[in-house]
């Protein structure tokens, strides 16, 4: 007998949750790198983390817009999720929500 394991693909909300966490971590790392850049004259961290965070931020925004379409979020919920990307630790708030579709009702 062959063992056929069904692979479950993460849904778009789960992917968004993962991107939100990674983007939030990169945001905080970029803040630390910026402090180091100006206090120790060491710009390498910002040179690496700046473009990395920027790319993750764009992915965050794109996924948020796609999740909004699929889960039929209202404008207010979408703006809150997007604003959380700008606020330090805000991405962690989005990721902590048990279900991003329930976040629409809670927001």
Protein backbone atom coordinates (compact mmCIF):
# COMPACT_ATOMS: atom_id res chain seq x y z
CA UNK A 1 0.00 0.00 0.00
CA UNK A 2 1.22 3.42 -0.77
CA UNK A 3 0.91 6.21 1.71
CA UNK A 4 -0.80 9.10 -0.01
CA UNK A 5 -0.63 12.06 2.27
CA UNK A 6 -2.76 14.94 1.29
CA UNK A 7 -0.84 18.14 1.28
CA UNK A 8 -2.87 21.03 2.42
CA UNK A 9 -1.99 24.35 0.91
CA UNK A 10 -2.27 27.33 3.19
CA UNK A 11 -5.14 29.63 2.36
CA UNK A 12 -4.50 33.24 1.45
CA UNK A 13 -5.33 34.50 4.95
CA UNK A 14 -2.69 32.16 6.42
CA UNK A 15 -0.13 33.38 3.89
CA UNK A 16 -1.01 36.97 4.80
CA UNK A 17 -0.58 36.15 8.49
CA UNK A 18 2.91 34.76 7.80
CA UNK A 19 3.89 37.76 5.67
CA UNK A 20 2.55 40.11 8.36
CA UNK A 21 4.81 38.54 10.99
CA UNK A 22 7.90 38.51 8.76
CA UNK A 23 7.24 42.11 7.67
CA UNK A 24 6.79 43.24 11.29
CA UNK A 25 10.06 41.59 12.28
CA UNK A 26 11.86 43.21 9.36
CA UNK A 27 10.36 46.58 10.35
CA UNK A 28 11.66 46.27 13.88
CA UNK A 29 15.06 45.06 12.63
CA UNK A 30 15.20 48.06 10.30
CA UNK A 31 14.53 50.40 13.22
CA UNK A 32 17.40 48.82 15.15
CA UNK A 33 19.65 48.97 12.08
CA UNK A 34 18.81 52.66 11.65
CA UNK A 35 19.75 53.37 15.25
CA UNK A 36 23.02 51.49 14.76
CA UNK A 37 23.64 53.32 11.50
CA UNK A 38 23.49 56.72 13.12
CA UNK A 39 25.01 55.85 16.49
CA UNK A 40 27.89 53.66 15.29
CA UNK A 41 28.24 54.86 11.69
CA UNK A 42 27.46 51.35 10.43
CA UNK A 43 25.09 51.59 7.43
CA UNK A 44 25.32 47.95 6.29
CA UNK A 45 22.23 46.81 8.22
CA UNK A 46 20.09 49.53 6.67
CA UNK A 47 21.49 48.78 3.22
CA UNK A 48 20.36 45.17 3.57
CA UNK A 49 17.19 45.55 5.62
CA UNK A 50 15.84 48.60 3.81
CA UNK A 51 15.16 46.88 0.48
CA UNK A 52 14.16 43.65 2.23
CA UNK A 53 11.59 45.41 4.37
CA UNK A 54 10.37 47.44 1.40
CA UNK A 55 9.74 44.29 -0.61
CA UNK A 56 7.95 42.63 2.30
CA UNK A 57 5.84 45.75 2.80
CA UNK A 58 4.76 45.70 -0.85
CA UNK A 59 3.87 42.01 -0.56
CA UNK A 60 1.90 42.81 2.62
CA UNK A 61 -0.08 45.51 0.82
CA UNK A 62 -0.73 43.32 -2.22
CA UNK A 63 -1.87 40.37 -0.14
CA UNK A 64 -4.06 42.61 2.00
CA UNK A 65 -5.82 43.87 -1.11
CA UNK A 66 -6.29 40.32 -2.40
CA UNK A 67 -7.57 39.05 0.96
CA UNK A 68 -9.93 42.02 1.08
CA UNK A 69 -11.45 40.93 -2.22
CA UNK A 70 -11.75 37.27 -1.26
CA UNK A 71 -13.06 37.81 2.27
CA UNK A 72 -15.12 40.84 1.32
CA UNK A 73 -13.61 43.11 3.93
CA UNK A 74 -15.07 46.57 4.22
CA UNK A 75 -12.92 49.64 3.64
CA UNK A 76 -12.46 50.30 7.36
CA UNK A 77 -11.08 46.83 8.08
CA UNK A 78 -8.73 47.05 5.13
CA UNK A 79 -7.42 50.43 6.24
CA UNK A 80 -6.86 49.16 9.78
CA UNK A 81 -4.87 46.17 8.53
CA UNK A 82 -2.83 48.44 6.26
CA UNK A 83 -2.27 51.02 9.01
CA UNK A 84 -1.02 48.26 11.30
CA UNK A 85 1.88 47.75 8.89
CA UNK A 86 3.07 51.28 9.61
CA UNK A 87 2.76 51.19 13.40
CA UNK A 88 5.54 49.40 15.31
CA UNK A 89 4.22 46.03 16.53
CA UNK A 90 1.03 46.65 14.53
CA UNK A 91 1.69 43.69 12.28
CA UNK A 92 1.79 41.43 15.32
CA UNK A 93 -1.70 42.64 16.25
CA UNK A 94 -2.97 41.61 12.81
CA UNK A 95 -1.22 38.23 13.06
CA UNK A 96 -2.66 37.52 16.51
CA UNK A 97 -6.20 37.60 15.27
CA UNK A 98 -7.44 34.04 15.31
CA UNK A 99 -9.12 34.39 11.95
CA UNK A 100 -8.60 37.24 9.54
CA UNK A 101 -12.16 36.92 8.33
CA UNK A 102 -13.33 37.36 11.93
CA UNK A 103 -11.07 40.41 12.08
CA UNK A 104 -13.40 42.04 9.60
CA UNK A 105 -16.27 41.73 12.05
CA UNK A 106 -14.14 42.72 15.04
CA UNK A 107 -12.45 45.72 13.47
